Full PDB file with SEQRES, HELIX, SHEET, SSBOND, CRYST1, ORIGX, SCALE, CONECT and MASTER records, all heavy atoms in Angstrom:
SEQRES   1 A   39  GLY PRO GLY PRO THR ALA CYS SER ILE GLY CYS ASN ALA          
SEQRES   2 A   39  SER ASP ALA ASP ALA PHE ARG ASP ASP PRO THR THR LEU          
SEQRES   3 A   39  TRP GLN ILE ASP LYS PHE ARG SER LEU GLY PHE GLY GLY          
HELIX    1 AA1 PRO A   23  SER A   34  1                                  12    
CRYST1    1.000    1.000    1.000  90.00  90.00  90.00 P 1           1          
ORIGX1      1.000000  0.000000  0.000000        0.00000                         
ORIGX2      0.000000  1.000000  0.000000        0.00000                         
ORIGX3      0.000000  0.000000  1.000000        0.00000                         
SCALE1      1.000000  0.000000  0.000000        0.00000                         
SCALE2      0.000000  1.000000  0.000000        0.00000                         
SCALE3      0.000000  0.000000  1.000000        0.00000                         
ATOM      1  N   GLY A   1       0.806  -1.213   0.000  1.00  0.00           N  
ATOM      2  CA  GLY A   1       0.000   0.000   0.000  1.00  0.00           C  
ATOM      3  C   GLY A   1       0.835   1.257   0.000  1.00  0.00           C  
ATOM      4  O   GLY A   1       2.049   1.224  -0.185  1.00  0.00           O  
ATOM      5  N   PRO A   2       0.186   2.401   0.224  1.00  0.00           N  
ATOM      6  CA  PRO A   2       0.912   3.662   0.237  1.00  0.00           C  
ATOM      7  C   PRO A   2       1.810   3.758   1.466  1.00  0.00           C  
ATOM      8  O   PRO A   2       1.634   3.025   2.436  1.00  0.00           O  
ATOM      9  CB  PRO A   2      -0.202   4.709   0.289  1.00  0.00           C  
ATOM     10  CG  PRO A   2      -1.339   4.018   0.947  1.00  0.00           C  
ATOM     11  CD  PRO A   2      -1.233   2.574   0.530  1.00  0.00           C  
ATOM     12  N   GLY A   3       2.744   4.644   1.405  1.00  0.00           N  
ATOM     13  CA  GLY A   3       3.653   4.834   2.524  1.00  0.00           C  
ATOM     14  C   GLY A   3       5.082   4.590   2.098  1.00  0.00           C  
ATOM     15  O   GLY A   3       5.346   4.097   1.000  1.00  0.00           O  
ATOM     16  N   PRO A   4       6.011   4.908   2.972  1.00  0.00           N  
ATOM     17  CA  PRO A   4       7.421   4.722   2.632  1.00  0.00           C  
ATOM     18  C   PRO A   4       7.785   3.254   2.510  1.00  0.00           C  
ATOM     19  O   PRO A   4       7.076   2.378   2.994  1.00  0.00           O  
ATOM     20  CB  PRO A   4       8.155   5.380   3.810  1.00  0.00           C  
ATOM     21  CG  PRO A   4       7.183   5.335   4.940  1.00  0.00           C  
ATOM     22  CD  PRO A   4       5.814   5.440   4.321  1.00  0.00           C  
ATOM     23  N   THR A   5       8.894   3.010   1.840  1.00  0.00           N  
ATOM     24  CA  THR A   5       9.409   1.653   1.680  1.00  0.00           C  
ATOM     25  C   THR A   5      10.584   1.456   2.627  1.00  0.00           C  
ATOM     26  O   THR A   5      11.531   2.239   2.607  1.00  0.00           O  
ATOM     27  CB  THR A   5       9.867   1.419   0.229  1.00  0.00           C  
ATOM     28  OG1 THR A   5       8.767   1.633  -0.644  1.00  0.00           O  
ATOM     29  CG2 THR A   5      10.399   0.012   0.032  1.00  0.00           C  
ATOM     30  N   ALA A   6      10.518   0.425   3.445  1.00  0.00           N  
ATOM     31  CA  ALA A   6      11.613   0.109   4.364  1.00  0.00           C  
ATOM     32  C   ALA A   6      12.660  -0.714   3.630  1.00  0.00           C  
ATOM     33  O   ALA A   6      12.366  -1.376   2.642  1.00  0.00           O  
ATOM     34  CB  ALA A   6      11.083  -0.679   5.560  1.00  0.00           C  
ATOM     35  N   CYS A   7      13.884  -0.669   4.120  1.00  0.00           N  
ATOM     36  CA  CYS A   7      14.949  -1.527   3.616  1.00  0.00           C  
ATOM     37  C   CYS A   7      15.374  -2.445   4.745  1.00  0.00           C  
ATOM     38  O   CYS A   7      15.702  -1.984   5.836  1.00  0.00           O  
ATOM     39  CB  CYS A   7      16.138  -0.703   3.133  1.00  0.00           C  
ATOM     40  SG  CYS A   7      17.503  -1.738   2.546  1.00  0.00           S  
ATOM     41  N   SER A   8      15.351  -3.739   4.490  1.00  0.00           N  
ATOM     42  CA  SER A   8      15.747  -4.733   5.466  1.00  0.00           C  
ATOM     43  C   SER A   8      16.998  -5.437   4.949  1.00  0.00           C  
ATOM     44  O   SER A   8      17.008  -5.957   3.832  1.00  0.00           O  
ATOM     45  CB  SER A   8      14.616  -5.737   5.669  1.00  0.00           C  
ATOM     46  OG  SER A   8      15.024  -6.782   6.519  1.00  0.00           O  
ATOM     47  N   ILE A   9      18.069  -5.434   5.755  1.00  0.00           N  
ATOM     48  CA  ILE A   9      19.312  -6.093   5.370  1.00  0.00           C  
ATOM     49  C   ILE A   9      19.479  -7.314   6.258  1.00  0.00           C  
ATOM     50  O   ILE A   9      19.551  -7.199   7.476  1.00  0.00           O  
ATOM     51  CB  ILE A   9      20.514  -5.155   5.522  1.00  0.00           C  
ATOM     52  CG1 ILE A   9      20.303  -3.896   4.681  1.00  0.00           C  
ATOM     53  CG2 ILE A   9      21.804  -5.873   5.120  1.00  0.00           C  
ATOM     54  CD1 ILE A   9      21.325  -2.817   4.921  1.00  0.00           C  
ATOM     55  N   GLY A  10      19.508  -8.492   5.640  1.00  0.00           N  
ATOM     56  CA  GLY A  10      19.615  -9.728   6.391  1.00  0.00           C  
ATOM     57  C   GLY A  10      20.919 -10.453   6.119  1.00  0.00           C  
ATOM     58  O   GLY A  10      21.660 -10.109   5.201  1.00  0.00           O  
ATOM     59  N   CYS A  11      21.209 -11.452   6.916  1.00  0.00           N  
ATOM     60  CA  CYS A  11      22.400 -12.291   6.713  1.00  0.00           C  
ATOM     61  C   CYS A  11      22.054 -13.581   5.994  1.00  0.00           C  
ATOM     62  O   CYS A  11      22.898 -14.162   5.342  1.00  0.00           O  
ATOM     63  CB  CYS A  11      23.041 -12.627   8.063  1.00  0.00           C  
ATOM     64  SG  CYS A  11      23.965 -11.265   8.738  1.00  0.00           S  
ATOM     65  N   ASN A  12      20.828 -14.041   6.125  1.00  0.00           N  
ATOM     66  CA  ASN A  12      20.440 -15.310   5.532  1.00  0.00           C  
ATOM     67  C   ASN A  12      19.249 -15.064   4.624  1.00  0.00           C  
ATOM     68  O   ASN A  12      18.204 -14.612   5.063  1.00  0.00           O  
ATOM     69  CB  ASN A  12      20.087 -16.312   6.638  1.00  0.00           C  
ATOM     70  CG  ASN A  12      19.737 -17.661   6.080  1.00  0.00           C  
ATOM     71  OD1 ASN A  12      19.898 -17.910   4.899  1.00  0.00           O  
ATOM     72  ND2 ASN A  12      19.251 -18.526   6.933  1.00  0.00           N  
ATOM     73  N   ALA A  13      19.427 -15.378   3.373  1.00  0.00           N  
ATOM     74  CA  ALA A  13      18.364 -15.082   2.401  1.00  0.00           C  
ATOM     75  C   ALA A  13      17.119 -15.931   2.569  1.00  0.00           C  
ATOM     76  O   ALA A  13      16.102 -15.653   1.960  1.00  0.00           O  
ATOM     77  CB  ALA A  13      18.909 -15.269   0.989  1.00  0.00           C  
ATOM     78  N   SER A  14      17.138 -16.934   3.388  1.00  0.00           N  
ATOM     79  CA  SER A  14      16.062 -17.907   3.553  1.00  0.00           C  
ATOM     80  C   SER A  14      15.650 -18.440   2.187  1.00  0.00           C  
ATOM     81  O   SER A  14      16.434 -18.443   1.260  1.00  0.00           O  
ATOM     82  CB  SER A  14      14.903 -17.338   4.367  1.00  0.00           C  
ATOM     83  OG  SER A  14      14.110 -16.476   3.606  1.00  0.00           O  
ATOM     84  N   ASP A  15      14.401 -18.867   2.043  1.00  0.00           N  
ATOM     85  CA  ASP A  15      14.026 -19.431   0.753  1.00  0.00           C  
ATOM     86  C   ASP A  15      12.745 -18.833   0.189  1.00  0.00           C  
ATOM     87  O   ASP A  15      12.115 -19.427  -0.668  1.00  0.00           O  
ATOM     88  CB  ASP A  15      13.936 -20.955   0.821  1.00  0.00           C  
ATOM     89  CG  ASP A  15      12.992 -21.445   1.903  1.00  0.00           C  
ATOM     90  OD1 ASP A  15      12.349 -20.606   2.556  1.00  0.00           O  
ATOM     91  OD2 ASP A  15      12.892 -22.663   2.101  1.00  0.00           O  
ATOM     92  N   ALA A  16      12.386 -17.642   0.615  1.00  0.00           N  
ATOM     93  CA  ALA A  16      11.248 -16.944   0.021  1.00  0.00           C  
ATOM     94  C   ALA A  16      11.650 -16.461  -1.375  1.00  0.00           C  
ATOM     95  O   ALA A  16      12.826 -16.274  -1.668  1.00  0.00           O  
ATOM     96  CB  ALA A  16      10.830 -15.760   0.885  1.00  0.00           C  
ATOM     97  N   ASP A  17      10.652 -16.276  -2.236  1.00  0.00           N  
ATOM     98  CA  ASP A  17      10.945 -15.798  -3.582  1.00  0.00           C  
ATOM     99  C   ASP A  17       9.828 -14.870  -4.048  1.00  0.00           C  
ATOM    100  O   ASP A  17       9.091 -14.332  -3.229  1.00  0.00           O  
ATOM    101  CB  ASP A  17      11.161 -16.973  -4.547  1.00  0.00           C  
ATOM    102  CG  ASP A  17       9.957 -17.907  -4.645  1.00  0.00           C  
ATOM    103  OD1 ASP A  17       8.816 -17.474  -4.372  1.00  0.00           O  
ATOM    104  OD2 ASP A  17      10.162 -19.082  -5.010  1.00  0.00           O  
ATOM    105  N   ALA A  18       9.682 -14.686  -5.338  1.00  0.00           N  
ATOM    106  CA  ALA A  18       8.681 -13.761  -5.873  1.00  0.00           C  
ATOM    107  C   ALA A  18       7.258 -14.277  -5.725  1.00  0.00           C  
ATOM    108  O   ALA A  18       6.307 -13.509  -5.874  1.00  0.00           O  
ATOM    109  CB  ALA A  18       8.974 -13.479  -7.346  1.00  0.00           C  
ATOM    110  N   PHE A  19       7.089 -15.557  -5.404  1.00  0.00           N  
ATOM    111  CA  PHE A  19       5.756 -16.135  -5.331  1.00  0.00           C  
ATOM    112  C   PHE A  19       5.392 -16.683  -3.956  1.00  0.00           C  
ATOM    113  O   PHE A  19       4.228 -16.897  -3.667  1.00  0.00           O  
ATOM    114  CB  PHE A  19       5.626 -17.278  -6.360  1.00  0.00           C  
ATOM    115  CG  PHE A  19       5.990 -16.848  -7.742  1.00  0.00           C  
ATOM    116  CD1 PHE A  19       7.217 -17.192  -8.284  1.00  0.00           C  
ATOM    117  CD2 PHE A  19       5.129 -16.070  -8.498  1.00  0.00           C  
ATOM    118  CE1 PHE A  19       7.575 -16.787  -9.553  1.00  0.00           C  
ATOM    119  CE2 PHE A  19       5.472 -15.645  -9.769  1.00  0.00           C  
ATOM    120  CZ  PHE A  19       6.711 -16.003 -10.300  1.00  0.00           C  
ATOM    121  N   ARG A  20       6.397 -16.941  -3.134  1.00  0.00           N  
ATOM    122  CA  ARG A  20       6.169 -17.633  -1.870  1.00  0.00           C  
ATOM    123  C   ARG A  20       6.841 -16.885  -0.726  1.00  0.00           C  
ATOM    124  O   ARG A  20       7.971 -16.438  -0.826  1.00  0.00           O  
ATOM    125  CB  ARG A  20       6.765 -19.038  -1.987  1.00  0.00           C  
ATOM    126  CG  ARG A  20       6.483 -19.955  -0.849  1.00  0.00           C  
ATOM    127  CD  ARG A  20       7.009 -21.366  -1.127  1.00  0.00           C  
ATOM    128  NE  ARG A  20       8.300 -21.408  -1.794  1.00  0.00           N  
ATOM    129  CZ  ARG A  20       9.474 -21.244  -1.184  1.00  0.00           C  
ATOM    130  NH1 ARG A  20       9.524 -21.028   0.098  1.00  0.00           N  
ATOM    131  NH2 ARG A  20      10.593 -21.306  -1.878  1.00  0.00           N  
ATOM    132  N   ASP A  21       6.113 -16.768   0.378  1.00  0.00           N  
ATOM    133  CA  ASP A  21       6.645 -16.169   1.596  1.00  0.00           C  
ATOM    134  C   ASP A  21       7.080 -17.284   2.537  1.00  0.00           C  
ATOM    135  O   ASP A  21       6.619 -18.416   2.435  1.00  0.00           O  
ATOM    136  CB  ASP A  21       5.582 -15.305   2.282  1.00  0.00           C  
ATOM    137  CG  ASP A  21       5.183 -14.099   1.447  1.00  0.00           C  
ATOM    138  OD1 ASP A  21       6.072 -13.498   0.827  1.00  0.00           O  
ATOM    139  OD2 ASP A  21       3.989 -13.765   1.418  1.00  0.00           O  
ATOM    140  N   ASP A  22       7.964 -16.961   3.454  1.00  0.00           N  
ATOM    141  CA  ASP A  22       8.369 -17.894   4.502  1.00  0.00           C  
ATOM    142  C   ASP A  22       8.066 -17.225   5.850  1.00  0.00           C  
ATOM    143  O   ASP A  22       7.562 -16.100   5.878  1.00  0.00           O  
ATOM    144  CB  ASP A  22       9.840 -18.287   4.349  1.00  0.00           C  
ATOM    145  CG  ASP A  22      10.797 -17.113   4.485  1.00  0.00           C  
ATOM    146  OD1 ASP A  22      10.357 -15.997   4.831  1.00  0.00           O  
ATOM    147  OD2 ASP A  22      11.994 -17.304   4.253  1.00  0.00           O  
ATOM    148  N   PRO A  23       8.296 -17.880   6.981  1.00  0.00           N  
ATOM    149  CA  PRO A  23       7.950 -17.276   8.271  1.00  0.00           C  
ATOM    150  C   PRO A  23       8.609 -15.912   8.510  1.00  0.00           C  
ATOM    151  O   PRO A  23       7.978 -14.996   9.042  1.00  0.00           O  
ATOM    152  CB  PRO A  23       8.431 -18.310   9.289  1.00  0.00           C  
ATOM    153  CG  PRO A  23       8.307 -19.615   8.572  1.00  0.00           C  
ATOM    154  CD  PRO A  23       8.712 -19.298   7.151  1.00  0.00           C  
ATOM    155  N   THR A  24       9.867 -15.757   8.078  1.00  0.00           N  
ATOM    156  CA  THR A  24      10.541 -14.464   8.267  1.00  0.00           C  
ATOM    157  C   THR A  24       9.873 -13.380   7.440  1.00  0.00           C  
ATOM    158  O   THR A  24       9.647 -12.265   7.914  1.00  0.00           O  
ATOM    159  CB  THR A  24      12.032 -14.583   7.900  1.00  0.00           C  
ATOM    160  OG1 THR A  24      12.630 -15.580   8.716  1.00  0.00           O  
ATOM    161  CG2 THR A  24      12.748 -13.251   8.093  1.00  0.00           C  
ATOM    162  N   THR A  25       9.551 -13.699   6.202  1.00  0.00           N  
ATOM    163  CA  THR A  25       8.891 -12.729   5.326  1.00  0.00           C  
ATOM    164  C   THR A  25       7.540 -12.310   5.903  1.00  0.00           C  
ATOM    165  O   THR A  25       7.214 -11.123   5.927  1.00  0.00           O  
ATOM    166  CB  THR A  25       8.698 -13.329   3.922  1.00  0.00           C  
ATOM    167  OG1 THR A  25       9.949 -13.786   3.441  1.00  0.00           O  
ATOM    168  CG2 THR A  25       8.124 -12.322   2.963  1.00  0.00           C  
ATOM    169  N   LEU A  26       6.775 -13.255   6.384  1.00  0.00           N  
ATOM    170  CA  LEU A  26       5.468 -12.936   6.974  1.00  0.00           C  
ATOM    171  C   LEU A  26       5.620 -12.057   8.215  1.00  0.00           C  
ATOM    172  O   LEU A  26       4.851 -11.118   8.426  1.00  0.00           O  
ATOM    173  CB  LEU A  26       4.711 -14.221   7.302  1.00  0.00           C  
ATOM    174  CG  LEU A  26       4.335 -15.083   6.098  1.00  0.00           C  
ATOM    175  CD1 LEU A  26       3.761 -16.410   6.554  1.00  0.00           C  
ATOM    176  CD2 LEU A  26       3.376 -14.342   5.183  1.00  0.00           C  
ATOM    177  N   TRP A  27       6.646 -12.349   9.029  1.00  0.00           N  
ATOM    178  CA  TRP A  27       6.902 -11.540  10.213  1.00  0.00           C  
ATOM    179  C   TRP A  27       7.271 -10.119   9.801  1.00  0.00           C  
ATOM    180  O   TRP A  27       6.791  -9.149  10.380  1.00  0.00           O  
ATOM    181  CB  TRP A  27       8.040 -12.161  11.043  1.00  0.00           C  
ATOM    182  CG  TRP A  27       8.392 -11.339  12.231  1.00  0.00           C  
ATOM    183  CD1 TRP A  27       7.793 -11.366  13.448  1.00  0.00           C  
ATOM    184  CD2 TRP A  27       9.412 -10.338  12.305  1.00  0.00           C  
ATOM    185  NE1 TRP A  27       8.387 -10.449  14.280  1.00  0.00           N  
ATOM    186  CE2 TRP A  27       9.386  -9.805  13.606  1.00  0.00           C  
ATOM    187  CE3 TRP A  27      10.348  -9.849  11.402  1.00  0.00           C  
ATOM    188  CZ2 TRP A  27      10.256  -8.803  14.014  1.00  0.00           C  
ATOM    189  CZ3 TRP A  27      11.212  -8.853  11.811  1.00  0.00           C  
ATOM    190  CH2 TRP A  27      11.160  -8.343  13.104  1.00  0.00           C  
ATOM    191  N   GLN A  28       8.131  -9.974   8.763  1.00  0.00           N  
ATOM    192  CA  GLN A  28       8.538  -8.649   8.307  1.00  0.00           C  
ATOM    193  C   GLN A  28       7.357  -7.863   7.751  1.00  0.00           C  
ATOM    194  O   GLN A  28       7.236  -6.664   7.999  1.00  0.00           O  
ATOM    195  CB  GLN A  28       9.645  -8.759   7.254  1.00  0.00           C  
ATOM    196  CG  GLN A  28      10.966  -9.185   7.856  1.00  0.00           C  
ATOM    197  CD  GLN A  28      12.024  -9.394   6.800  1.00  0.00           C  
ATOM    198  OE1 GLN A  28      11.796 -10.107   5.818  1.00  0.00           O  
ATOM    199  NE2 GLN A  28      13.170  -8.781   6.995  1.00  0.00           N  
ATOM    200  N   ILE A  29       6.494  -8.514   7.003  1.00  0.00           N  
ATOM    201  CA  ILE A  29       5.302  -7.833   6.470  1.00  0.00           C  
ATOM    202  C   ILE A  29       4.473  -7.273   7.620  1.00  0.00           C  
ATOM    203  O   ILE A  29       4.091  -6.102   7.609  1.00  0.00           O  
ATOM    204  CB  ILE A  29       4.473  -8.790   5.589  1.00  0.00           C  
ATOM    205  CG1 ILE A  29       5.214  -9.107   4.293  1.00  0.00           C  
ATOM    206  CG2 ILE A  29       3.091  -8.199   5.294  1.00  0.00           C  
ATOM    207  CD1 ILE A  29       4.625 -10.262   3.498  1.00  0.00           C  
ATOM    208  N   ASP A  30       4.189  -8.093   8.624  1.00  0.00           N  
ATOM    209  CA  ASP A  30       3.396  -7.635   9.770  1.00  0.00           C  
ATOM    210  C   ASP A  30       4.090  -6.492  10.507  1.00  0.00           C  
ATOM    211  O   ASP A  30       3.452  -5.503  10.874  1.00  0.00           O  
ATOM    212  CB  ASP A  30       3.138  -8.783  10.744  1.00  0.00           C  
ATOM    213  CG  ASP A  30       2.134  -9.790  10.214  1.00  0.00           C  
ATOM    214  OD1 ASP A  30       1.397  -9.453   9.260  1.00  0.00           O  
ATOM    215  OD2 ASP A  30       2.097 -10.914  10.744  1.00  0.00           O  
ATOM    216  N   LYS A  31       5.395  -6.625  10.725  1.00  0.00           N  
ATOM    217  CA  LYS A  31       6.135  -5.610  11.469  1.00  0.00           C  
ATOM    218  C   LYS A  31       6.169  -4.281  10.726  1.00  0.00           C  
ATOM    219  O   LYS A  31       5.857  -3.239  11.288  1.00  0.00           O  
ATOM    220  CB  LYS A  31       7.564  -6.112  11.727  1.00  0.00           C  
ATOM    221  CG  LYS A  31       8.366  -5.220  12.605  1.00  0.00           C  
ATOM    222  CD  LYS A  31       7.814  -5.232  14.006  1.00  0.00           C  
ATOM    223  CE  LYS A  31       8.774  -4.599  14.969  1.00  0.00           C  
ATOM    224  NZ  LYS A  31       8.233  -4.563  16.314  1.00  0.00           N  
ATOM    225  N   PHE A  32       6.551  -4.303   9.445  1.00  0.00           N  
ATOM    226  CA  PHE A  32       6.637  -3.058   8.686  1.00  0.00           C  
ATOM    227  C   PHE A  32       5.267  -2.428   8.473  1.00  0.00           C  
ATOM    228  O   PHE A  32       5.124  -1.204   8.494  1.00  0.00           O  
ATOM    229  CB  PHE A  32       7.361  -3.277   7.360  1.00  0.00           C  
ATOM    230  CG  PHE A  32       8.837  -3.522   7.522  1.00  0.00           C  
ATOM    231  CD1 PHE A  32       9.442  -4.600   6.907  1.00  0.00           C  
ATOM    232  CD2 PHE A  32       9.623  -2.684   8.296  1.00  0.00           C  
ATOM    233  CE1 PHE A  32      10.801  -4.838   7.058  1.00  0.00           C  
ATOM    234  CE2 PHE A  32      10.980  -2.902   8.457  1.00  0.00           C  
ATOM    235  CZ  PHE A  32      11.571  -3.975   7.831  1.00  0.00           C  
ATOM    236  N   ARG A  33       4.247  -3.234   8.261  1.00  0.00           N  
ATOM    237  CA  ARG A  33       2.888  -2.700   8.119  1.00  0.00           C  
ATOM    238  C   ARG A  33       2.456  -1.997   9.403  1.00  0.00           C  
ATOM    239  O   ARG A  33       1.906  -0.896   9.367  1.00  0.00           O  
ATOM    240  CB  ARG A  33       1.907  -3.822   7.776  1.00  0.00           C  
ATOM    241  CG  ARG A  33       0.486  -3.309   7.546  1.00  0.00           C  
ATOM    242  CD  ARG A  33      -0.463  -4.433   7.211  1.00  0.00           C  
ATOM    243  NE  ARG A  33      -0.321  -4.765   5.807  1.00  0.00           N  
ATOM    244  CZ  ARG A  33      -0.447  -5.981   5.298  1.00  0.00           C  
ATOM    245  NH1 ARG A  33      -0.694  -7.008   6.082  1.00  0.00           N  
ATOM    246  NH2 ARG A  33      -0.327  -6.197   4.015  1.00  0.00           N  
ATOM    247  N   SER A  34       2.757  -2.614  10.567  1.00  0.00           N  
ATOM    248  CA  SER A  34       2.356  -2.003  11.844  1.00  0.00           C  
ATOM    249  C   SER A  34       3.115  -0.706  12.118  1.00  0.00           C  
ATOM    250  O   SER A  34       2.642   0.141  12.872  1.00  0.00           O  
ATOM    251  CB  SER A  34       2.567  -2.992  12.995  1.00  0.00           C  
ATOM    252  OG  SER A  34       3.945  -3.155  13.275  1.00  0.00           O  
ATOM    253  N   LEU A  35       4.280  -0.539  11.496  1.00  0.00           N  
ATOM    254  CA  LEU A  35       5.061   0.691  11.666  1.00  0.00           C  
ATOM    255  C   LEU A  35       4.709   1.762  10.641  1.00  0.00           C  
ATOM    256  O   LEU A  35       5.312   2.831  10.612  1.00  0.00           O  
ATOM    257  CB  LEU A  35       6.557   0.369  11.584  1.00  0.00           C  
ATOM    258  CG  LEU A  35       7.107  -0.476  12.737  1.00  0.00           C  
ATOM    259  CD1 LEU A  35       8.538  -0.915  12.450  1.00  0.00           C  
ATOM    260  CD2 LEU A  35       7.030   0.295  14.051  1.00  0.00           C  
ATOM    261  N   GLY A  36       3.733   1.486   9.768  1.00  0.00           N  
ATOM    262  CA  GLY A  36       3.253   2.483   8.817  1.00  0.00           C  
ATOM    263  C   GLY A  36       3.913   2.454   7.451  1.00  0.00           C  
ATOM    264  O   GLY A  36       3.681   3.343   6.637  1.00  0.00           O  
ATOM    265  N   PHE A  37       4.715   1.438   7.184  1.00  0.00           N  
ATOM    266  CA  PHE A  37       5.342   1.337   5.868  1.00  0.00           C  
ATOM    267  C   PHE A  37       4.368   0.735   4.864  1.00  0.00           C  
ATOM    268  O   PHE A  37       3.467  -0.011   5.230  1.00  0.00           O  
ATOM    269  CB  PHE A  37       6.600   0.456   5.936  1.00  0.00           C  
ATOM    270  CG  PHE A  37       7.741   1.110   6.657  1.00  0.00           C  
ATOM    271  CD1 PHE A  37       7.957   0.870   8.006  1.00  0.00           C  
ATOM    272  CD2 PHE A  37       8.596   1.972   5.988  1.00  0.00           C  
ATOM    273  CE1 PHE A  37       9.005   1.474   8.676  1.00  0.00           C  
ATOM    274  CE2 PHE A  37       9.649   2.586   6.654  1.00  0.00           C  
ATOM    275  CZ  PHE A  37       9.851   2.339   7.998  1.00  0.00           C  
ATOM    276  N   GLY A  38       4.579   1.053   3.586  1.00  0.00           N  
ATOM    277  CA  GLY A  38       3.757   0.507   2.517  1.00  0.00           C  
ATOM    278  C   GLY A  38       4.411  -0.661   1.818  1.00  0.00           C  
ATOM    279  O   GLY A  38       3.857  -1.222   0.879  1.00  0.00           O  
ATOM    280  N   GLY A  39       5.595  -1.024   2.265  1.00  0.00           N  
ATOM    281  CA  GLY A  39       6.312  -2.146   1.676  1.00  0.00           C  
ATOM    282  C   GLY A  39       7.737  -2.168   2.169  1.00  0.00           C  
ATOM    283  O   GLY A  39       8.155  -1.317   2.949  1.00  0.00           O  
TER     284      GLY A  39                                                      
MASTER        0    0    0    1    0    0    0    6  283    1    0    3          
END                                                                             
């Protein structure tokens, strides 16, 4: 959605991709959304 875009720098790329989320990705979506980011 609208709002600023956060940048997340990680050490382990995990295995999420353009079509599938993993637990870390889902956690990041919830966290950044709750902080007012749009992505």
